[in-house]
Amino acid sequence: MSKQYFSTSLTPEAHPADIFCVETTSEYAITSSGNSTLKLWDAASNDHELVLTIKTTHRLGIHHVCANKELGLIAAVGFDGEISVWSLQDCSCRAVISDLKTAYWAARFSADGEFLAATSLEGGITVWNAASEDFEKCGELATKGSSGLAIDYSNDGRFIASGHENGGLYIFSTETARLLHSLPGHIKAVRAVAFSPLSKLLAAGGDSNVITVYDVTSGEQVFNLSGHSRWIMSLDWNFTGEYLLSGSFDKSLKIWSIEQTECVSTQTESDSAVWAVKWTKTAGTARPQGFVSVGIDRTVRWYREATGG
C-alpha cells in the first residue's frame, strides 16, 4: 500500500552554501552548512519561520549536527575536526571538543542525555559525559581503523553503531565497551546508520545504494531495501518504527514500510542531491507526521502525510 506526502513549506537559499545536516526536536528543525552557522526553524508552525541563528567557531563549515532535548544542547561537528556544543536556551557555547591527533566526523547524544559519542577520521569512537561541566572523556571504542562516517545510539542506551569508509559496520555494547557484532553486507562506504525506536533493528546505507536491516541482538541481516540509484546519505525511523525514511544523492527521498519491506512513497521535488532527512517529532499528537529534507540546493523542505477527509 502506497502512502502520499506533500510539500507544505520550503525555504530556498536557507543557507548560502550546501545544507549538510538537519536535526529535529519538538520545537525546532536545526540546520547547518558550509557557512558555519546553525539555524533553528520553528517546527510547530505552518510557515516554519527562522527563529534563531547561532554563529559558531567552525571556520570551514559544519557537516553533522545532533541535539538532546533533555539537556537542551546542540552538538555541531565541523570540517575542522572539532565539536562545538551549544545551549538551546541562551545560544551560548558550552564546550569545544578538539584533539590535535583526532578529527571528529559524526556525533550523537544518548537518548537520556548523559553521553555524547563521536566517530573520527582515524577510525575510533570517543564517548564523553555530556552531563558534566567540561564534557569529561569517559571511554573509547576501538574499531578496525577506517574512517568513521556515521554513528547512532540505541534508544535504550545499550548499543552504539558506527559505519565506516571501508564498508565496516559495527555494533558495540555500552555496558561492556566491547564490540558485539561486525556486520556483513557492505563493501563500500557506510554513510548512515539508525537504530529502530525499540532498539531491535539497525538500518545502514551508503555507497552500495542499498539499505540493509539487521537484528541487533543476533547481528543477522534481516532484509535489504533496494530502490535508490546513488549513495544513501541519511536514514531516520519514524517514532513507531513502522517506516524508515532515506535521502540519497539520486535526488530522491523514500519512505519504506518495514512490515512490507518495500518503498511506499518517493519524493522527487529536489533537482539536486539530498544530504540529510529527519522525521518531525509529532508523537502523541493528532497532527499527521511529516519530515524535513536538506541538500545541495540550499533549500529546507517540509513534508506532511496526506490524510483523507
Protein backbone atom coordinates (compact mmCIF):
# COMPACT_ATOMS: atom_id res chain seq x y z
CA MET A 1 0.00 0.00 0.00
CA SER A 2 1.44 3.36 -1.01
CA LYS A 3 1.45 6.48 1.16
CA GLN A 4 1.07 10.05 0.00
CA TYR A 5 3.11 13.01 1.24
CA PHE A 6 3.02 16.60 0.05
CA SER A 7 5.37 19.53 0.46
CA THR A 8 3.90 22.02 2.94
CA SER A 9 6.67 24.62 3.05
CA LEU A 10 10.06 25.37 1.59
CA THR A 11 12.72 27.95 2.27
CA PRO A 12 15.07 28.48 -0.70
CA GLU A 13 18.56 29.82 -0.04
CA ALA A 14 18.14 28.96 3.64
CA HIS A 15 21.93 28.89 3.88
CA PRO A 16 24.48 30.43 1.47
CA ALA A 17 26.09 27.01 0.92
CA ASP A 18 25.13 23.32 0.76
CA ILE A 19 23.00 22.32 3.76
CA PHE A 20 24.74 19.20 5.01
CA CYS A 21 22.68 18.31 8.06
CA VAL A 22 19.33 18.59 9.81
CA GLU A 23 18.18 17.60 13.29
CA THR A 24 14.65 17.85 14.68
CA THR A 25 13.16 18.36 18.13
CA SER A 26 9.52 19.01 19.03
CA GLU A 27 10.24 22.76 18.80
CA TYR A 28 12.85 23.11 16.06
CA ALA A 29 14.47 21.87 12.92
CA ILE A 30 18.19 22.64 13.21
CA THR A 31 20.21 23.02 10.01
CA SER A 32 23.80 23.85 9.17
CA SER A 33 26.06 24.16 6.18
CA GLY A 34 29.40 25.25 4.83
CA ASN A 35 28.92 28.77 6.18
CA SER A 36 29.43 27.68 9.82
CA THR A 37 26.08 28.87 11.23
CA LEU A 38 23.38 26.86 12.96
CA LYS A 39 19.83 27.88 12.09
CA LEU A 40 16.80 26.95 14.17
CA TRP A 41 13.44 26.83 12.38
CA ASP A 42 10.02 26.76 14.04
CA ALA A 43 8.81 23.16 13.77
CA ALA A 44 5.36 23.75 15.23
CA SER A 45 4.02 26.48 12.94
CA ASN A 46 2.85 26.06 9.35
CA ASP A 47 5.30 28.54 7.84
CA HIS A 48 8.35 27.26 9.76
CA GLU A 49 9.97 30.64 10.18
CA LEU A 50 13.59 31.13 11.20
CA VAL A 51 13.75 31.51 14.99
CA LEU A 52 17.46 31.72 15.84
CA THR A 53 20.84 31.84 14.14
CA ILE A 54 23.95 30.74 16.02
CA LYS A 55 27.33 31.78 14.69
CA THR A 56 29.79 29.02 15.54
CA THR A 57 33.57 28.89 15.74
CA HIS A 58 33.93 26.35 12.92
CA ARG A 59 35.99 28.07 10.23
CA LEU A 60 35.36 25.56 7.44
CA GLY A 61 31.67 24.80 7.91
CA ILE A 62 29.59 22.15 9.67
CA HIS A 63 28.62 18.73 8.29
CA HIS A 64 26.89 16.99 11.23
CA VAL A 65 24.56 18.20 13.97
CA CYS A 66 22.71 16.45 16.77
CA ALA A 67 20.58 17.65 19.68
CA ASN A 68 19.38 16.44 23.04
CA LYS A 69 16.20 17.94 24.50
CA GLU A 70 16.86 16.58 27.99
CA LEU A 71 19.95 18.74 28.36
CA GLY A 72 18.89 21.44 25.90
CA LEU A 73 22.09 21.03 23.90
CA ILE A 74 23.16 21.04 20.25
CA ALA A 75 26.43 19.47 19.13
CA ALA A 76 27.91 20.56 15.79
CA VAL A 77 30.79 18.81 14.05
CA GLY A 78 32.86 20.89 11.67
CA PHE A 79 35.21 20.26 8.78
CA ASP A 80 37.95 21.45 11.15
CA GLY A 81 37.53 18.17 13.05
CA GLU A 82 36.19 19.86 16.18
CA ILE A 83 32.87 19.51 18.02
CA SER A 84 31.18 22.56 19.48
CA VAL A 85 28.33 22.23 21.97
CA TRP A 86 25.67 24.94 22.30
CA SER A 87 22.86 25.70 24.72
CA LEU A 88 19.36 25.80 23.23
CA GLN A 89 18.28 28.17 25.99
CA ASP A 90 20.69 31.06 25.53
CA CYS A 91 22.75 30.06 22.43
CA SER A 92 25.94 30.10 24.50
CA CYS A 93 28.84 27.78 23.70
CA ARG A 94 29.06 25.12 26.39
CA ALA A 95 32.20 23.39 25.14
CA VAL A 96 34.60 22.96 22.25
CA ILE A 97 35.94 19.43 21.94
CA SER A 98 39.16 19.11 19.96
CA ASP A 99 42.19 16.84 19.76
CA LEU A 100 45.31 17.56 17.73
CA LYS A 101 45.57 13.86 16.85
CA THR A 102 41.90 13.28 16.05
CA ALA A 103 39.47 14.72 13.50
CA TYR A 104 35.90 14.02 14.66
CA TRP A 105 33.28 13.37 11.99
CA ALA A 106 29.81 12.24 13.18
CA ALA A 107 28.25 12.62 16.63
CA ARG A 108 25.15 11.53 18.52
CA PHE A 109 23.76 12.10 22.02
CA SER A 110 22.36 9.20 24.02
CA ALA A 111 18.59 9.40 24.45
CA ASP A 112 18.85 10.15 28.17
CA GLY A 113 21.32 12.96 27.51
CA GLU A 114 24.08 11.51 29.66
CA PHE A 115 26.58 10.85 26.89
CA LEU A 116 27.86 12.18 23.59
CA ALA A 117 29.65 9.81 21.21
CA ALA A 118 31.56 10.63 18.03
CA THR A 119 33.41 8.83 15.28
CA SER A 120 36.69 10.09 13.88
CA LEU A 121 38.52 10.02 10.57
CA GLU A 122 41.17 7.96 12.35
CA GLY A 123 38.55 5.24 12.88
CA GLY A 124 37.88 5.24 16.62
CA ILE A 125 34.84 6.23 18.67
CA THR A 126 35.08 8.56 21.66
CA VAL A 127 32.44 8.93 24.39
CA TRP A 128 32.08 11.94 26.70
CA ASN A 129 29.98 12.60 29.80
CA ALA A 130 27.54 15.18 28.40
CA ALA A 131 26.11 15.90 31.85
CA SER A 132 29.48 17.02 33.21
CA GLU A 133 30.50 20.66 33.12
CA ASP A 134 33.59 20.09 30.98
CA PHE A 135 32.43 17.11 28.86
CA GLU A 136 34.83 14.71 30.51
CA LYS A 137 36.02 11.90 28.24
CA CYS A 138 34.72 8.63 29.67
CA GLY A 139 35.54 5.98 27.10
CA GLU A 140 36.92 4.95 23.73
CA LEU A 141 35.75 2.16 21.43
CA ALA A 142 38.26 0.55 19.11
CA THR A 143 37.27 -0.13 15.50
CA LYS A 144 39.41 -1.51 12.69
CA GLY A 145 40.92 1.81 11.71
CA SER A 146 38.85 3.01 8.75
CA SER A 147 37.31 6.49 8.93
CA GLY A 148 34.03 6.56 10.84
CA LEU A 149 31.34 8.31 8.77
CA ALA A 150 28.17 7.56 10.77
CA ILE A 151 27.10 6.84 14.34
CA ASP A 152 23.93 6.22 16.33
CA TYR A 153 22.90 5.44 19.91
CA SER A 154 20.08 2.98 20.53
CA ASN A 155 17.12 4.48 22.40
CA ASP A 156 17.59 2.08 25.32
CA GLY A 157 21.19 3.25 25.66
CA ARG A 158 22.65 -0.25 25.39
CA PHE A 159 24.27 0.00 21.96
CA ILE A 160 26.32 2.25 19.72
CA ALA A 161 26.55 1.56 15.97
CA SER A 162 29.13 3.01 13.59
CA GLY A 163 29.55 2.98 9.80
CA HIS A 164 32.93 3.34 8.11
CA GLU A 165 34.56 4.35 4.86
CA ASN A 166 35.75 0.82 4.06
CA GLY A 167 32.25 -0.67 4.46
CA GLY A 168 32.78 -1.63 8.09
CA LEU A 169 29.62 -1.70 10.20
CA TYR A 170 29.84 -2.34 13.93
CA ILE A 171 27.60 -2.64 16.99
CA PHE A 172 29.15 -2.03 20.42
CA SER A 173 27.81 -2.71 23.90
CA THR A 174 27.80 0.43 26.03
CA GLU A 175 27.71 -1.74 29.16
CA THR A 176 30.98 -3.58 28.41
CA ALA A 177 32.53 -1.17 25.84
CA ARG A 178 33.16 -4.21 23.66
CA LEU A 179 32.40 -4.98 20.03
CA LEU A 180 29.29 -7.18 19.78
CA HIS A 181 28.93 -7.53 16.01
CA SER A 182 30.93 -6.80 12.90
CA LEU A 183 28.12 -6.81 10.35
CA PRO A 184 28.41 -8.06 6.75
CA GLY A 185 26.71 -6.70 3.66
CA HIS A 186 28.68 -3.60 2.74
CA ILE A 187 31.88 -3.44 0.71
CA LYS A 188 31.60 0.30 0.12
CA ALA A 189 31.38 3.27 2.49
CA VAL A 190 28.56 3.25 5.07
CA ARG A 191 27.30 6.84 5.44
CA ALA A 192 24.18 6.39 7.57
CA VAL A 193 23.20 4.14 10.49
CA ALA A 194 19.98 4.27 12.52
CA PHE A 195 18.53 2.13 15.31
CA SER A 196 14.78 1.48 15.33
CA PRO A 197 12.81 3.11 18.19
CA LEU A 198 12.65 -0.12 20.20
CA SER A 199 16.38 -0.76 19.62
CA LYS A 200 15.70 -4.13 17.97
CA LEU A 201 16.77 -3.31 14.41
CA LEU A 202 19.63 -1.38 12.83
CA ALA A 203 19.40 0.14 9.34
CA ALA A 204 22.51 1.07 7.37
CA GLY A 205 23.13 2.61 3.97
CA GLY A 206 25.82 4.23 1.88
CA ASP A 207 27.70 3.90 -1.37
CA SER A 208 26.25 0.46 -2.15
CA ASN A 209 22.88 2.20 -2.86
CA VAL A 210 21.11 -0.44 -0.74
CA ILE A 211 19.71 -0.20 2.80
CA THR A 212 20.49 -3.24 4.94
CA VAL A 213 18.48 -4.00 8.08
CA TYR A 214 19.92 -6.14 10.88
CA ASP A 215 18.71 -7.79 14.06
CA VAL A 216 20.63 -6.02 16.84
CA THR A 217 20.71 -8.98 19.24
CA SER A 218 21.91 -11.64 16.80
CA GLY A 219 23.67 -9.44 14.25
CA GLU A 220 21.88 -11.27 11.45
CA GLN A 221 20.92 -9.44 8.27
CA VAL A 222 17.12 -9.47 8.17
CA PHE A 223 16.40 -7.91 4.77
CA ASN A 224 17.55 -5.37 2.18
CA LEU A 225 15.70 -2.36 0.78
CA SER A 226 16.61 -1.59 -2.83
CA GLY A 227 15.48 1.35 -4.96
CA HIS A 228 17.99 4.19 -4.71
CA SER A 229 20.37 4.58 -7.66
CA ARG A 230 23.06 6.63 -5.89
CA TRP A 231 24.65 6.93 -2.47
CA ILE A 232 22.32 6.82 0.54
CA MET A 233 23.31 9.74 2.75
CA SER A 234 20.75 9.73 5.55
CA LEU A 235 18.33 7.40 7.37
CA ASP A 236 15.71 8.02 10.06
CA TRP A 237 12.95 5.86 11.61
CA ASN A 238 9.54 7.29 12.39
CA PHE A 239 8.53 7.20 16.08
CA THR A 240 6.52 3.97 15.77
CA GLY A 241 9.22 2.09 13.88
CA GLU A 242 6.82 1.27 11.06
CA TYR A 243 8.58 3.38 8.45
CA LEU A 244 12.14 4.25 7.51
CA LEU A 245 12.99 7.50 5.72
CA SER A 246 16.00 7.74 3.40
CA GLY A 247 17.69 10.54 1.49
CA SER A 248 20.03 9.96 -1.42
CA PHE A 249 22.43 11.51 -3.91
CA ASP A 250 19.97 10.37 -6.58
CA LYS A 251 17.89 13.48 -5.62
CA SER A 252 15.07 11.46 -4.05
CA LEU A 253 13.56 10.76 -0.66
CA LYS A 254 11.97 7.39 0.01
CA ILE A 255 9.69 6.09 2.74
CA TRP A 256 9.97 2.36 3.36
CA SER A 257 7.42 0.10 5.06
CA ILE A 258 9.24 -2.24 7.44
CA GLU A 259 6.32 -4.68 7.51
CA GLN A 260 6.11 -4.83 3.71
CA THR A 261 9.89 -4.40 3.23
CA GLU A 262 9.27 -2.12 0.27
CA CYS A 263 9.14 1.54 -0.72
CA VAL A 264 5.69 3.07 -0.19
CA SER A 265 6.46 6.65 -1.25
CA THR A 266 9.09 8.52 -3.29
CA GLN A 267 9.55 12.29 -3.31
CA THR A 268 11.49 13.90 -6.14
CA GLU A 269 10.85 17.63 -5.70
CA SER A 270 14.55 18.45 -5.35
CA ASP A 271 16.62 18.80 -8.51
CA SER A 272 19.86 18.09 -6.64
CA ALA A 273 21.33 15.62 -4.17
CA VAL A 274 19.80 15.22 -0.72
CA TRP A 275 22.29 15.39 2.15
CA ALA A 276 20.04 14.75 5.14
CA VAL A 277 16.47 13.87 6.18
CA LYS A 278 14.63 13.76 9.51
CA TRP A 279 11.11 12.92 10.65
CA THR A 280 9.42 15.70 12.61
CA LYS A 281 8.76 14.94 16.26
CA THR A 282 4.97 14.70 16.37
CA ALA A 283 4.49 11.61 18.57
CA GLY A 284 1.46 11.83 20.83
CA THR A 285 -0.29 14.49 18.74
CA ALA A 286 -3.14 14.37 16.26
CA ARG A 287 -1.02 16.11 13.66
CA PRO A 288 -0.04 13.92 10.67
CA GLN A 289 3.63 13.00 10.78
CA GLY A 290 5.99 14.67 8.36
CA PHE A 291 9.67 15.11 7.66
CA VAL A 292 12.30 17.64 6.66
CA SER A 293 14.97 17.40 3.95
CA VAL A 294 18.04 19.46 3.08
CA GLY A 295 20.73 19.23 0.43
CA ILE A 296 22.86 20.77 -2.25
CA ASP A 297 20.10 23.14 -3.43
CA ARG A 298 20.31 25.04 -0.09
CA THR A 299 16.58 24.64 0.48
CA VAL A 300 14.82 23.43 3.63
CA ARG A 301 11.78 21.37 2.58
CA TRP A 302 8.95 20.31 4.90
CA TYR A 303 6.59 17.44 4.08
CA ARG A 304 3.44 16.12 5.69
CA GLU A 305 1.48 12.93 5.24
CA ALA A 306 -1.71 13.35 3.22
CA THR A 307 -4.82 12.32 5.11
CA GLY A 308 -8.31 11.58 3.91
CA GLY A 309 -11.17 13.82 4.60
